């Protein structure tokens, strides 16, 4: 229940969006490599500053995620009691 907000704060601190992640202490640098937000921030930076094949994968995965969410939303029904 409380793990979600805690992970979000840790991801925001270690993702490298507000400050570089390279000077982080050892344990936080390991967390940086493990959490997904760090990789997303890196790919968005690559997309903004020249692009690469990795950025194309980011765009493709976001498109698939959006399409999957839209499809799931169409068939959602209320449970009968």
PDB file of N, CA and C in Angstrom:
ATOM      1  N   UNK A   1       0.818  -1.186   0.000  1.00  0.00           N
ATOM      2  CA  UNK A   1       0.000   0.000   0.000  1.00  0.00           C
ATOM      3  C   UNK A   1       0.867   1.257   0.000  1.00  0.00           C
ATOM      4  N   UNK A   2       1.906   1.274   0.825  1.00  0.00           N
ATOM      5  CA  UNK A   2       2.778   2.442   0.878  1.00  0.00           C
ATOM      6  C   UNK A   2       4.019   2.284  -0.004  1.00  0.00           C
ATOM      7  N   UNK A   3       4.159   1.139  -0.652  1.00  0.00           N
ATOM      8  CA  UNK A   3       5.348   0.900  -1.460  1.00  0.00           C
ATOM      9  C   UNK A   3       5.328   1.761  -2.727  1.00  0.00           C
ATOM     10  N   UNK A   4       4.171   1.965  -3.321  1.00  0.00           N
ATOM     11  CA  UNK A   4       4.067   2.764  -4.539  1.00  0.00           C
ATOM     12  C   UNK A   4       4.602   4.176  -4.379  1.00  0.00           C
ATOM     13  N   UNK A   5       4.106   4.947  -3.409  1.00  0.00           N
ATOM     14  CA  UNK A   5       4.636   6.309  -3.235  1.00  0.00           C
ATOM     15  C   UNK A   5       6.120   6.334  -2.866  1.00  0.00           C
ATOM     16  N   UNK A   6       6.565   5.362  -2.086  1.00  0.00           N
ATOM     17  CA  UNK A   6       7.981   5.319  -1.708  1.00  0.00           C
ATOM     18  C   UNK A   6       8.847   5.070  -2.943  1.00  0.00           C
ATOM     19  N   UNK A   7       8.427   4.101  -3.789  1.00  0.00           N
ATOM     20  CA  UNK A   7       9.184   3.838  -5.016  1.00  0.00           C
ATOM     21  C   UNK A   7       9.178   5.047  -5.947  1.00  0.00           C
ATOM     22  N   UNK A   8       8.084   5.779  -5.996  1.00  0.00           N
ATOM     23  CA  UNK A   8       8.020   6.954  -6.862  1.00  0.00           C
ATOM     24  C   UNK A   8       9.010   8.019  -6.401  1.00  0.00           C
ATOM     25  N   UNK A   9       9.103   8.242  -5.099  1.00  0.00           N
ATOM     26  CA  UNK A   9      10.053   9.226  -4.583  1.00  0.00           C
ATOM     27  C   UNK A   9      11.487   8.790  -4.864  1.00  0.00           C
ATOM     28  N   UNK A  10      11.773   7.498  -4.659  1.00  0.00           N
ATOM     29  CA  UNK A  10      13.121   6.989  -4.935  1.00  0.00           C
ATOM     30  C   UNK A  10      13.440   7.105  -6.418  1.00  0.00           C
ATOM     31  N   UNK A  11      12.479   6.802  -7.277  1.00  0.00           N
ATOM     32  CA  UNK A  11      12.707   6.923  -8.717  1.00  0.00           C
ATOM     33  C   UNK A  11      12.948   8.373  -9.113  1.00  0.00           C
ATOM     34  N   UNK A  12      12.194   9.300  -8.537  1.00  0.00           N
ATOM     35  CA  UNK A  12      12.400  10.708  -8.871  1.00  0.00           C
ATOM     36  C   UNK A  12      13.777  11.188  -8.447  1.00  0.00           C
ATOM     37  N   UNK A  13      14.255  10.682  -7.307  1.00  0.00           N
ATOM     38  CA  UNK A  13      15.569  11.097  -6.814  1.00  0.00           C
ATOM     39  C   UNK A  13      16.705  10.476  -7.610  1.00  0.00           C
ATOM     40  N   UNK A  14      16.520   9.257  -8.098  1.00  0.00           N
ATOM     41  CA  UNK A  14      17.619   8.554  -8.756  1.00  0.00           C
ATOM     42  C   UNK A  14      17.537   8.558 -10.280  1.00  0.00           C
ATOM     43  N   UNK A  15      16.485   9.094 -10.867  1.00  0.00           N
ATOM     44  CA  UNK A  15      16.315   9.029 -12.316  1.00  0.00           C
ATOM     45  C   UNK A  15      17.265   9.940 -13.067  1.00  0.00           C
ATOM     46  N   UNK A  16      17.770  10.974 -12.420  1.00  0.00           N
ATOM     47  CA  UNK A  16      18.673  11.884 -13.098  1.00  0.00           C
ATOM     48  C   UNK A  16      17.961  12.994 -13.832  1.00  0.00           C
ATOM     49  N   UNK A  17      16.719  13.214 -13.518  1.00  0.00           N
ATOM     50  CA  UNK A  17      15.978  14.276 -14.203  1.00  0.00           C
ATOM     51  C   UNK A  17      16.292  15.640 -13.599  1.00  0.00           C
ATOM     52  N   UNK A  18      16.339  15.744 -12.277  1.00  0.00           N
ATOM     53  CA  UNK A  18      16.561  17.035 -11.632  1.00  0.00           C
ATOM     54  C   UNK A  18      18.037  17.336 -11.421  1.00  0.00           C
ATOM     55  N   UNK A  19      18.857  16.295 -11.266  1.00  0.00           N
ATOM     56  CA  UNK A  19      20.303  16.450 -11.135  1.00  0.00           C
ATOM     57  C   UNK A  19      20.955  15.181 -11.670  1.00  0.00           C
ATOM     58  N   UNK A  20      22.216  15.245 -12.060  1.00  0.00           N
ATOM     59  CA  UNK A  20      22.859  14.070 -12.642  1.00  0.00           C
ATOM     60  C   UNK A  20      22.920  12.899 -11.658  1.00  0.00           C
ATOM     61  N   UNK A  21      22.790  11.705 -12.161  1.00  0.00           N
ATOM     62  CA  UNK A  21      22.802  10.542 -11.275  1.00  0.00           C
ATOM     63  C   UNK A  21      24.221  10.051 -10.994  1.00  0.00           C
ATOM     64  N   UNK A  22      25.217  10.484 -11.762  1.00  0.00           N
ATOM     65  CA  UNK A  22      26.574   9.987 -11.599  1.00  0.00           C
ATOM     66  C   UNK A  22      27.165  10.237 -10.209  1.00  0.00           C
ATOM     67  N   UNK A  23      26.914  11.383  -9.546  1.00  0.00           N
ATOM     68  CA  UNK A  23      27.501  11.574  -8.212  1.00  0.00           C
ATOM     69  C   UNK A  23      26.705  10.921  -7.070  1.00  0.00           C
ATOM     70  N   UNK A  24      25.678  10.145  -7.380  1.00  0.00           N
ATOM     71  CA  UNK A  24      24.903   9.492  -6.321  1.00  0.00           C
ATOM     72  C   UNK A  24      25.762   8.492  -5.560  1.00  0.00           C
ATOM     73  N   UNK A  25      25.479   8.288  -4.273  1.00  0.00           N
ATOM     74  CA  UNK A  25      26.194   7.255  -3.522  1.00  0.00           C
ATOM     75  C   UNK A  25      25.946   5.871  -4.124  1.00  0.00           C
ATOM     76  N   UNK A  26      26.811   4.911  -3.812  1.00  0.00           N
ATOM     77  CA  UNK A  26      26.771   3.569  -4.373  1.00  0.00           C
ATOM     78  C   UNK A  26      25.408   2.889  -4.372  1.00  0.00           C
ATOM     79  N   UNK A  27      24.727   2.787  -3.215  1.00  0.00           N
ATOM     80  CA  UNK A  27      23.430   2.104  -3.208  1.00  0.00           C
ATOM     81  C   UNK A  27      22.378   2.785  -4.090  1.00  0.00           C
ATOM     82  N   UNK A  28      22.378   4.106  -4.110  1.00  0.00           N
ATOM     83  CA  UNK A  28      21.410   4.809  -4.956  1.00  0.00           C
ATOM     84  C   UNK A  28      21.752   4.660  -6.435  1.00  0.00           C
ATOM     85  N   UNK A  29      23.033   4.554  -6.756  1.00  0.00           N
ATOM     86  CA  UNK A  29      23.424   4.329  -8.155  1.00  0.00           C
ATOM     87  C   UNK A  29      22.950   2.961  -8.624  1.00  0.00           C
ATOM     88  N   UNK A  30      22.988   1.970  -7.746  1.00  0.00           N
ATOM     89  CA  UNK A  30      22.462   0.643  -8.098  1.00  0.00           C
ATOM     90  C   UNK A  30      20.953   0.690  -8.309  1.00  0.00           C
ATOM     91  N   UNK A  31      20.262   1.443  -7.459  1.00  0.00           N
ATOM     92  CA  UNK A  31      18.809   1.583  -7.603  1.00  0.00           C
ATOM     93  C   UNK A  31      18.493   2.294  -8.915  1.00  0.00           C
ATOM     94  N   UNK A  32      19.336   3.267  -9.283  1.00  0.00           N
ATOM     95  CA  UNK A  32      19.142   3.982 -10.549  1.00  0.00           C
ATOM     96  C   UNK A  32      19.104   3.007 -11.724  1.00  0.00           C
ATOM     97  N   UNK A  33      19.990   2.024 -11.729  1.00  0.00           N
ATOM     98  CA  UNK A  33      20.041   1.061 -12.823  1.00  0.00           C
ATOM     99  C   UNK A  33      18.858   0.101 -12.810  1.00  0.00           C
ATOM    100  N   UNK A  34      18.247  -0.133 -11.635  1.00  0.00           N
ATOM    101  CA  UNK A  34      17.191  -1.140 -11.514  1.00  0.00           C
ATOM    102  C   UNK A  34      15.790  -0.597 -11.803  1.00  0.00           C
ATOM    103  N   UNK A  35      15.554   0.670 -11.532  1.00  0.00           N
ATOM    104  CA  UNK A  35      14.204   1.216 -11.658  1.00  0.00           C
ATOM    105  C   UNK A  35      13.933   1.710 -13.081  1.00  0.00           C
ATOM    106  N   UNK A  36      12.712   1.520 -13.569  1.00  0.00           N
ATOM    107  CA  UNK A  36      12.403   1.837 -14.975  1.00  0.00           C
ATOM    108  C   UNK A  36      12.392   3.318 -15.318  1.00  0.00           C
ATOM    109  N   UNK A  37      12.085   4.187 -14.374  1.00  0.00           N
ATOM    110  CA  UNK A  37      12.006   5.609 -14.694  1.00  0.00           C
ATOM    111  C   UNK A  37      13.362   6.157 -15.145  1.00  0.00           C
ATOM    112  N   UNK A  38      14.439   5.600 -14.617  1.00  0.00           N
ATOM    113  CA  UNK A  38      15.776   6.040 -15.012  1.00  0.00           C
ATOM    114  C   UNK A  38      16.011   5.809 -16.493  1.00  0.00           C
ATOM    115  N   UNK A  39      15.622   4.652 -16.964  1.00  0.00           N
ATOM    116  CA  UNK A  39      15.816   4.332 -18.381  1.00  0.00           C
ATOM    117  C   UNK A  39      14.899   5.178 -19.262  1.00  0.00           C
ATOM    118  N   UNK A  40      13.694   5.456 -18.795  1.00  0.00           N
ATOM    119  CA  UNK A  40      12.776   6.293 -19.567  1.00  0.00           C
ATOM    120  C   UNK A  40      13.324   7.712 -19.703  1.00  0.00           C
ATOM    121  N   UNK A  41      13.874   8.261 -18.623  1.00  0.00           N
ATOM    122  CA  UNK A  41      14.443   9.608 -18.672  1.00  0.00           C
ATOM    123  C   UNK A  41      15.627   9.637 -19.641  1.00  0.00           C
ATOM    124  N   UNK A  42      16.473   8.613 -19.599  1.00  0.00           N
ATOM    125  CA  UNK A  42      17.614   8.554 -20.525  1.00  0.00           C
ATOM    126  C   UNK A  42      17.152   8.513 -21.978  1.00  0.00           C
ATOM    127  N   UNK A  43      16.113   7.719 -22.264  1.00  0.00           N
ATOM    128  CA  UNK A  43      15.633   7.595 -23.645  1.00  0.00           C
ATOM    129  C   UNK A  43      14.977   8.889 -24.123  1.00  0.00           C
ATOM    130  N   UNK A  44      14.257   9.572 -23.250  1.00  0.00           N
ATOM    131  CA  UNK A  44      13.639  10.839 -23.647  1.00  0.00           C
ATOM    132  C   UNK A  44      14.720  11.871 -23.949  1.00  0.00           C
ATOM    133  N   UNK A  45      15.798  11.875 -23.148  1.00  0.00           N
ATOM    134  CA  UNK A  45      16.918  12.777 -23.439  1.00  0.00           C
ATOM    135  C   UNK A  45      17.541  12.458 -24.797  1.00  0.00           C
ATOM    136  N   UNK A  46      17.721  11.169 -25.081  1.00  0.00           N
ATOM    137  CA  UNK A  46      18.278  10.792 -26.378  1.00  0.00           C
ATOM    138  C   UNK A  46      17.372  11.250 -27.510  1.00  0.00           C
ATOM    139  N   UNK A  47      16.074  11.133 -27.302  1.00  0.00           N
ATOM    140  CA  UNK A  47      15.123  11.542 -28.331  1.00  0.00           C
ATOM    141  C   UNK A  47      15.184  13.049 -28.558  1.00  0.00           C
ATOM    142  N   UNK A  48      15.337  13.825 -27.482  1.00  0.00           N
ATOM    143  CA  UNK A  48      15.371  15.282 -27.596  1.00  0.00           C
ATOM    144  C   UNK A  48      16.674  15.783 -28.213  1.00  0.00           C
ATOM    145  N   UNK A  49      17.783  15.098 -27.934  1.00  0.00           N
ATOM    146  CA  UNK A  49      19.096  15.598 -28.359  1.00  0.00           C
ATOM    147  C   UNK A  49      19.727  14.729 -29.436  1.00  0.00           C
ATOM    148  N   UNK A  50      18.986  14.400 -30.472  1.00  0.00           N
ATOM    149  CA  UNK A  50      19.584  13.727 -31.597  1.00  0.00           C
ATOM    150  C   UNK A  50      18.957  12.402 -31.960  1.00  0.00           C
ATOM    151  N   UNK A  51      18.319  11.754 -31.044  1.00  0.00           N
ATOM    152  CA  UNK A  51      17.636  10.511 -31.344  1.00  0.00           C
ATOM    153  C   UNK A  51      18.572   9.336 -31.530  1.00  0.00           C
ATOM    154  N   UNK A  52      18.025   8.156 -31.468  1.00  0.00           N
ATOM    155  CA  UNK A  52      18.762   6.923 -31.699  1.00  0.00           C
ATOM    156  C   UNK A  52      17.755   5.797 -31.848  1.00  0.00           C
ATOM    157  N   UNK A  53      18.252   4.606 -32.072  1.00  0.00           N
ATOM    158  CA  UNK A  53      17.364   3.450 -32.189  1.00  0.00           C
ATOM    159  C   UNK A  53      16.666   3.177 -30.854  1.00  0.00           C
ATOM    160  N   UNK A  54      17.338   3.454 -29.736  1.00  0.00           N
ATOM    161  CA  UNK A  54      16.724   3.236 -28.423  1.00  0.00           C
ATOM    162  C   UNK A  54      15.522   4.160 -28.231  1.00  0.00           C
ATOM    163  N   UNK A  55      15.626   5.385 -28.728  1.00  0.00           N
ATOM    164  CA  UNK A  55      14.509   6.315 -28.624  1.00  0.00           C
ATOM    165  C   UNK A  55      13.333   5.839 -29.472  1.00  0.00           C
ATOM    166  N   UNK A  56      13.625   5.221 -30.610  1.00  0.00           N
ATOM    167  CA  UNK A  56      12.549   4.677 -31.437  1.00  0.00           C
ATOM    168  C   UNK A  56      11.824   3.555 -30.702  1.00  0.00           C
ATOM    169  N   UNK A  57      12.566   2.743 -29.957  1.00  0.00           N
ATOM    170  CA  UNK A  57      11.935   1.697 -29.146  1.00  0.00           C
ATOM    171  C   UNK A  57      11.043   2.317 -28.068  1.00  0.00           C
ATOM    172  N   UNK A  58      11.466   3.432 -27.488  1.00  0.00           N
ATOM    173  CA  UNK A  58      10.653   4.109 -26.477  1.00  0.00           C
ATOM    174  C   UNK A  58       9.333   4.561 -27.085  1.00  0.00           C
ATOM    175  N   UNK A  59       9.383   5.196 -28.237  1.00  0.00           N
ATOM    176  CA  UNK A  59       8.169   5.680 -28.889  1.00  0.00           C
ATOM    177  C   UNK A  59       7.254   4.510 -29.251  1.00  0.00           C
ATOM    178  N   UNK A  60       7.839   3.426 -29.764  1.00  0.00           N
ATOM    179  CA  UNK A  60       7.042   2.253 -30.126  1.00  0.00           C
ATOM    180  C   UNK A  60       6.394   1.625 -28.902  1.00  0.00           C
ATOM    181  N   UNK A  61       7.127   1.523 -27.799  1.00  0.00           N
ATOM    182  CA  UNK A  61       6.550   0.914 -26.603  1.00  0.00           C
ATOM    183  C   UNK A  61       5.455   1.791 -25.999  1.00  0.00           C
ATOM    184  N   UNK A  62       5.632   3.106 -26.062  1.00  0.00           N
ATOM    185  CA  UNK A  62       4.571   3.998 -25.576  1.00  0.00           C
ATOM    186  C   UNK A  62       3.317   3.869 -26.429  1.00  0.00           C
ATOM    187  N   UNK A  63       3.488   3.747 -27.726  1.00  0.00           N
ATOM    188  CA  UNK A  63       2.345   3.574 -28.626  1.00  0.00           C
ATOM    189  C   UNK A  63       1.599   2.279 -28.326  1.00  0.00           C
ATOM    190  N   UNK A  64       2.340   1.202 -28.133  1.00  0.00           N
ATOM    191  CA  UNK A  64       1.713  -0.086 -27.802  1.00  0.00           C
ATOM    192  C   UNK A  64       0.989   0.005 -26.461  1.00  0.00           C
ATOM    193  N   UNK A  65       1.570   0.699 -25.493  1.00  0.00           N
ATOM    194  CA  UNK A  65       0.932   0.854 -24.177  1.00  0.00           C
ATOM    195  C   UNK A  65      -0.378   1.618 -24.284  1.00  0.00           C
ATOM    196  N   UNK A  66      -0.359   2.702 -25.054  1.00  0.00           N
ATOM    197  CA  UNK A  66      -1.574   3.508 -25.214  1.00  0.00           C
ATOM    198  C   UNK A  66      -2.660   2.706 -25.922  1.00  0.00           C
ATOM    199  N   UNK A  67      -2.291   2.007 -26.981  1.00  0.00           N
ATOM    200  CA  UNK A  67      -3.276   1.200 -27.702  1.00  0.00           C
ATOM    201  C   UNK A  67      -3.846   0.092 -26.824  1.00  0.00           C
ATOM    202  N   UNK A  68      -2.996  -0.532 -26.020  1.00  0.00           N
ATOM    203  CA  UNK A  68      -3.468  -1.566 -25.100  1.00  0.00           C
ATOM    204  C   UNK A  68      -4.424  -1.005 -24.053  1.00  0.00           C
ATOM    205  N   UNK A  69      -4.112   0.177 -23.537  1.00  0.00           N
ATOM    206  CA  UNK A  69      -4.990   0.796 -22.544  1.00  0.00           C
ATOM    207  C   UNK A  69      -6.328   1.180 -23.152  1.00  0.00           C
ATOM    208  N   UNK A  70      -6.304   1.689 -24.384  1.00  0.00           N
ATOM    209  CA  UNK A  70      -7.563   2.045 -25.050  1.00  0.00           C
ATOM    210  C   UNK A  70      -8.425   0.808 -25.310  1.00  0.00           C
ATOM    211  N   UNK A  71      -7.803  -0.271 -25.735  1.00  0.00           N
ATOM    212  CA  UNK A  71      -8.557  -1.486 -26.013  1.00  0.00           C
ATOM    213  C   UNK A  71      -9.154  -2.050 -24.728  1.00  0.00           C
ATOM    214  N   UNK A  72      -8.376  -2.045 -23.661  1.00  0.00           N
ATOM    215  CA  UNK A  72      -8.869  -2.571 -22.383  1.00  0.00           C
ATOM    216  C   UNK A  72     -10.023  -1.715 -21.855  1.00  0.00           C
ATOM    217  N   UNK A  73      -9.947  -0.417 -22.065  1.00  0.00           N
ATOM    218  CA  UNK A  73     -10.983   0.476 -21.586  1.00  0.00           C
ATOM    219  C   UNK A  73     -12.312   0.288 -22.293  1.00  0.00           C
ATOM    220  N   UNK A  74     -12.299  -0.170 -23.529  1.00  0.00           N
ATOM    221  CA  UNK A  74     -13.530  -0.354 -24.286  1.00  0.00           C
ATOM    222  C   UNK A  74     -14.381  -1.494 -23.745  1.00  0.00           C
ATOM    223  N   UNK A  75     -13.745  -2.506 -23.257  1.00  0.00           N
ATOM    224  CA  UNK A  75     -14.471  -3.716 -22.859  1.00  0.00           C
ATOM    225  C   UNK A  75     -14.652  -3.829 -21.351  1.00  0.00           C
ATOM    226  N   UNK A  76     -14.414  -2.793 -20.648  1.00  0.00           N
ATOM    227  CA  UNK A  76     -14.538  -2.825 -19.196  1.00  0.00           C
ATOM    228  C   UNK A  76     -16.016  -2.717 -18.802  1.00  0.00           C
ATOM    229  N   UNK A  77     -16.451  -3.611 -17.952  1.00  0.00           N
ATOM    230  CA  UNK A  77     -17.836  -3.593 -17.493  1.00  0.00           C
ATOM    231  C   UNK A  77     -17.876  -3.621 -15.972  1.00  0.00           C
ATOM    232  N   UNK A  78     -18.986  -3.212 -15.434  1.00  0.00           N
ATOM    233  CA  UNK A  78     -19.154  -3.248 -13.981  1.00  0.00           C
ATOM    234  C   UNK A  78     -19.456  -4.672 -13.545  1.00  0.00           C
ATOM    235  N   UNK A  79     -18.909  -5.074 -12.398  1.00  0.00           N
ATOM    236  CA  UNK A  79     -19.200  -6.438 -11.922  1.00  0.00           C
ATOM    237  C   UNK A  79     -20.647  -6.538 -11.430  1.00  0.00           C
ATOM    238  N   UNK A  80     -21.233  -7.676 -11.681  1.00  0.00           N
ATOM    239  CA  UNK A  80     -22.611  -7.902 -11.226  1.00  0.00           C
ATOM    240  C   UNK A  80     -22.587  -8.538  -9.851  1.00  0.00           C
ATOM    241  N   UNK A  81     -23.435  -8.044  -8.987  1.00  0.00           N
ATOM    242  CA  UNK A  81     -23.480  -8.600  -7.621  1.00  0.00           C
ATOM    243  C   UNK A  81     -24.757  -9.353  -7.390  1.00  0.00           C
TER     244      UNK A  81
END
